Amino acid sequence: MAKSLNLNTDVDDKTFDKKSALEWIATIEGEGASVREQDIYPLLNKWIWDNDITDVVDIGSGQGVCSSKIPVDTVYTGVEPSEFLLGRAKLHYPDANFLRGSAYELPLPSSSVTGAFSIAVWHLLSDSERAAHELSRVLKPGGHYFIVTADPQHPAWKQTPDHIFLRSETELNAVWFKHRLKTTRMGAFRSFWYFEGRKV
């Protein structure tokens, strides 16, 4: 039986209290928003279109912005550990579905979605093994994933805070492969990598 989740301590390795949540909101809705519009959302939409994804789970959905950036005919579910961010998501995007949970314990049935994505969350997770297991569990056979995470080779990460976990391409692919997840494409932009793959 799975250990019950303490959403205040083991969601990830940065406690998303209200102060942290407000910092995140400022990043996503402030000047950084235009950068996301230029590089992340086009990649996300291309991934959805290229793979004929009909339903997605957004792992670490924050205040729900991605729910408004994907094709309207894609069924969206956002999963977020922070009560504060979850409340904001439900307020600003009432037509989207948001659930409380984490990358370590997704509140979805096994083999239930054709696509799963995570933007700027994976490098906050200390236990990539557990997160990979959950990612694989919720994907249908042949389902696709799209993960944006820190590029450890980029100079921006030289002064790495304690809550950031930098992993090499080899480490990431090894843990995903162990859970029947195979990377089919990767790329880089700014200080991030993106990985596209599928459940095999």
Protein backbone atom coordinates (compact mmCIF):
# COMPACT_ATOMS: atom_id res chain seq x y z
CA MET A 1 0.00 0.00 0.00
CA ALA A 2 1.37 3.43 -0.93
CA LYS A 3 2.52 5.75 1.82
CA SER A 4 0.05 8.57 2.35
CA LEU A 5 1.21 11.87 0.95
CA ASN A 6 2.01 14.80 3.21
CA LEU A 7 1.31 17.62 0.81
CA ASN A 8 3.12 20.13 3.04
CA THR A 9 6.48 18.41 3.03
CA ASP A 10 7.05 15.74 0.38
CA VAL A 11 5.38 17.17 -2.68
CA ASP A 12 8.71 18.39 -3.94
CA ASP A 13 11.78 19.92 -2.43
CA LYS A 14 10.65 23.51 -2.46
CA THR A 15 7.81 24.10 -0.03
CA PHE A 16 5.19 26.01 -1.95
CA ASP A 17 3.88 28.12 0.86
CA LYS A 18 2.04 31.33 -0.01
CA LYS A 19 5.29 33.32 -0.33
CA SER A 20 6.77 30.79 -2.78
CA ALA A 21 3.48 30.63 -4.68
CA LEU A 22 3.42 34.43 -5.06
CA GLU A 23 7.01 34.36 -6.37
CA TRP A 24 5.96 31.73 -8.90
CA ILE A 25 2.95 33.79 -10.00
CA ALA A 26 5.16 36.85 -10.48
CA THR A 27 7.52 34.80 -12.65
CA ILE A 28 4.82 33.27 -14.84
CA GLU A 29 2.55 36.29 -15.12
CA GLY A 30 5.25 38.97 -15.14
CA GLU A 31 8.00 39.63 -17.68
CA GLY A 32 8.67 35.91 -18.01
CA ALA A 33 5.23 35.39 -19.54
CA SER A 34 6.32 36.70 -22.95
CA VAL A 35 9.27 34.31 -23.02
CA ARG A 36 6.95 31.38 -22.28
CA GLU A 37 4.67 32.59 -25.09
CA GLN A 38 7.63 32.53 -27.49
CA ASP A 39 9.26 29.22 -26.64
CA ILE A 40 7.27 26.94 -24.30
CA TYR A 41 3.68 27.20 -25.52
CA PRO A 42 4.51 26.71 -29.23
CA LEU A 43 6.54 23.59 -28.33
CA LEU A 44 3.70 22.31 -26.15
CA ASN A 45 1.12 22.79 -28.89
CA LYS A 46 3.34 21.22 -31.55
CA TRP A 47 3.79 18.19 -29.28
CA ILE A 48 0.00 17.87 -28.85
CA TRP A 49 -0.70 18.23 -32.59
CA ASP A 50 2.16 15.99 -33.77
CA ASN A 51 1.07 13.14 -31.50
CA ASP A 52 -2.72 13.45 -31.84
CA ILE A 53 -3.07 13.84 -28.09
CA THR A 54 -6.71 14.09 -27.03
CA ASP A 55 -6.34 14.45 -23.26
CA VAL A 56 -3.47 15.67 -21.09
CA VAL A 57 -2.42 15.93 -17.49
CA ASP A 58 -0.33 18.96 -16.54
CA ILE A 59 1.91 17.81 -13.70
CA GLY A 60 2.62 20.81 -11.48
CA SER A 61 0.04 23.04 -13.12
CA GLY A 62 0.66 26.03 -10.86
CA GLN A 63 -1.96 28.73 -11.36
CA GLY A 64 -3.32 26.97 -14.44
CA VAL A 65 -1.97 29.13 -17.28
CA CYS A 66 -1.27 26.15 -19.56
CA SER A 67 -4.96 25.23 -19.55
CA SER A 68 -5.58 28.29 -21.74
CA LYS A 69 -2.59 27.71 -24.06
CA ILE A 70 -3.43 24.31 -25.52
CA PRO A 71 -5.90 23.42 -28.32
CA VAL A 72 -9.48 23.87 -27.11
CA ASP A 73 -10.50 20.34 -28.10
CA THR A 74 -7.83 18.78 -25.82
CA VAL A 75 -9.25 17.56 -22.51
CA TYR A 76 -7.08 19.13 -19.79
CA THR A 77 -6.44 18.14 -16.17
CA GLY A 78 -4.05 20.14 -14.01
CA VAL A 79 -2.46 18.55 -10.95
CA GLU A 80 -0.98 20.91 -8.34
CA PRO A 81 0.20 20.47 -4.72
CA SER A 82 -0.15 24.10 -3.61
CA GLU A 83 -3.61 24.94 -2.22
CA PHE A 84 -2.97 28.61 -2.96
CA LEU A 85 -2.04 28.05 -6.62
CA LEU A 86 -4.86 25.53 -7.04
CA GLY A 87 -7.37 28.08 -5.75
CA ARG A 88 -6.06 30.70 -8.16
CA ALA A 89 -6.23 28.23 -11.06
CA LYS A 90 -9.85 27.36 -10.32
CA LEU A 91 -10.76 31.04 -10.03
CA HIS A 92 -9.09 32.17 -13.27
CA TYR A 93 -9.75 29.07 -15.40
CA PRO A 94 -13.14 27.76 -14.22
CA ASP A 95 -13.71 25.63 -17.33
CA ALA A 96 -10.57 23.54 -16.72
CA ASN A 97 -10.26 20.58 -14.36
CA PHE A 98 -7.77 20.97 -11.49
CA LEU A 99 -6.93 18.38 -8.83
CA ARG A 100 -4.74 18.45 -5.75
CA GLY A 101 -1.81 16.07 -6.03
CA SER A 102 1.82 15.89 -7.00
CA ALA A 103 4.29 14.32 -9.41
CA TYR A 104 4.77 11.63 -6.76
CA GLU A 105 1.08 10.81 -6.37
CA LEU A 106 -1.10 11.70 -9.34
CA PRO A 107 -4.84 11.53 -8.51
CA LEU A 108 -5.67 9.73 -11.77
CA PRO A 109 -6.42 6.11 -12.67
CA SER A 110 -3.72 3.99 -14.27
CA SER A 111 -3.51 4.11 -18.09
CA SER A 112 -5.97 7.02 -18.22
CA VAL A 113 -4.39 9.73 -20.42
CA THR A 114 -2.82 9.92 -23.88
CA GLY A 115 -0.46 12.73 -22.87
CA ALA A 116 1.32 14.12 -19.80
CA PHE A 117 3.49 17.19 -19.54
CA SER A 118 5.48 19.01 -16.88
CA ILE A 119 7.04 22.46 -17.21
CA ALA A 120 9.84 23.59 -14.87
CA VAL A 121 8.93 21.02 -12.21
CA TRP A 122 11.19 17.99 -12.76
CA HIS A 123 14.32 19.73 -11.40
CA LEU A 124 12.42 20.45 -8.15
CA LEU A 125 11.90 16.74 -7.51
CA SER A 126 14.40 14.89 -5.36
CA ASP A 127 12.93 11.48 -6.23
CA SER A 128 12.90 11.25 -10.01
CA GLU A 129 12.38 7.48 -9.77
CA ARG A 130 9.04 7.89 -8.00
CA ALA A 131 7.95 10.64 -10.39
CA ALA A 132 8.84 8.50 -13.44
CA HIS A 133 6.83 5.60 -12.02
CA GLU A 134 3.75 7.84 -11.66
CA LEU A 135 4.22 9.35 -15.10
CA SER A 136 4.33 5.88 -16.65
CA ARG A 137 1.42 4.64 -14.55
CA VAL A 138 -1.08 7.26 -15.75
CA LEU A 139 -0.08 7.13 -19.43
CA LYS A 140 -1.95 4.79 -21.73
CA PRO A 141 0.24 2.33 -23.67
CA GLY A 142 1.83 4.38 -26.45
CA GLY A 143 0.96 7.61 -24.59
CA HIS A 144 3.28 10.60 -24.89
CA TYR A 145 5.15 12.84 -22.45
CA PHE A 146 6.70 16.29 -22.73
CA ILE A 147 9.01 17.49 -19.95
CA VAL A 148 10.77 20.84 -19.65
CA THR A 149 13.52 20.81 -17.03
CA ALA A 150 16.82 22.48 -16.14
CA ASP A 151 19.75 22.11 -18.53
CA PRO A 152 22.64 21.49 -16.10
CA GLN A 153 25.17 22.61 -18.72
CA HIS A 154 23.73 26.12 -18.88
CA PRO A 155 25.67 28.80 -16.91
CA ALA A 156 22.43 30.02 -15.32
CA TRP A 157 22.52 27.01 -12.98
CA LYS A 158 26.08 27.54 -11.68
CA GLN A 159 24.77 29.02 -8.41
CA THR A 160 22.26 26.24 -7.86
CA PRO A 161 19.91 26.60 -4.87
CA ASP A 162 19.50 23.61 -2.55
CA HIS A 163 16.03 22.81 -3.87
CA ILE A 164 17.21 22.38 -7.49
CA PHE A 165 18.25 18.91 -8.65
CA LEU A 166 20.32 18.99 -11.82
CA ARG A 167 20.41 15.74 -13.78
CA SER A 168 22.27 14.85 -16.95
CA GLU A 169 20.55 13.72 -20.13
CA THR A 170 21.86 10.20 -19.44
CA GLU A 171 20.45 10.16 -15.89
CA LEU A 172 17.04 11.41 -17.00
CA ASN A 173 16.75 8.97 -19.89
CA ALA A 174 17.89 6.06 -17.71
CA VAL A 175 15.22 6.64 -15.07
CA TRP A 176 12.50 7.11 -17.69
CA PHE A 177 13.59 4.01 -19.63
CA LYS A 178 13.43 1.96 -16.42
CA HIS A 179 9.72 2.84 -16.29
CA ARG A 180 9.03 2.05 -19.97
CA LEU A 181 9.35 5.67 -21.08
CA LYS A 182 11.49 6.29 -24.15
CA THR A 183 12.71 9.71 -25.26
CA THR A 184 12.11 10.27 -28.97
CA ARG A 185 13.21 13.91 -29.25
CA MET A 186 14.97 16.50 -27.16
CA GLY A 187 16.09 20.08 -27.53
CA ALA A 188 17.24 23.12 -25.59
CA PHE A 189 16.20 26.73 -25.14
CA ARG A 190 17.43 29.37 -22.70
CA SER A 191 18.48 27.45 -19.54
CA PHE A 192 16.16 24.50 -20.14
CA TRP A 193 15.92 21.20 -21.96
CA TYR A 194 12.75 19.66 -23.29
CA PHE A 195 12.20 15.94 -23.71
CA GLU A 196 9.48 14.33 -25.79
CA GLY A 197 8.83 10.63 -25.55
CA ARG A 198 6.30 7.86 -25.26
CA LYS A 199 5.39 4.90 -23.12
CA VAL A 200 6.62 1.68 -24.74
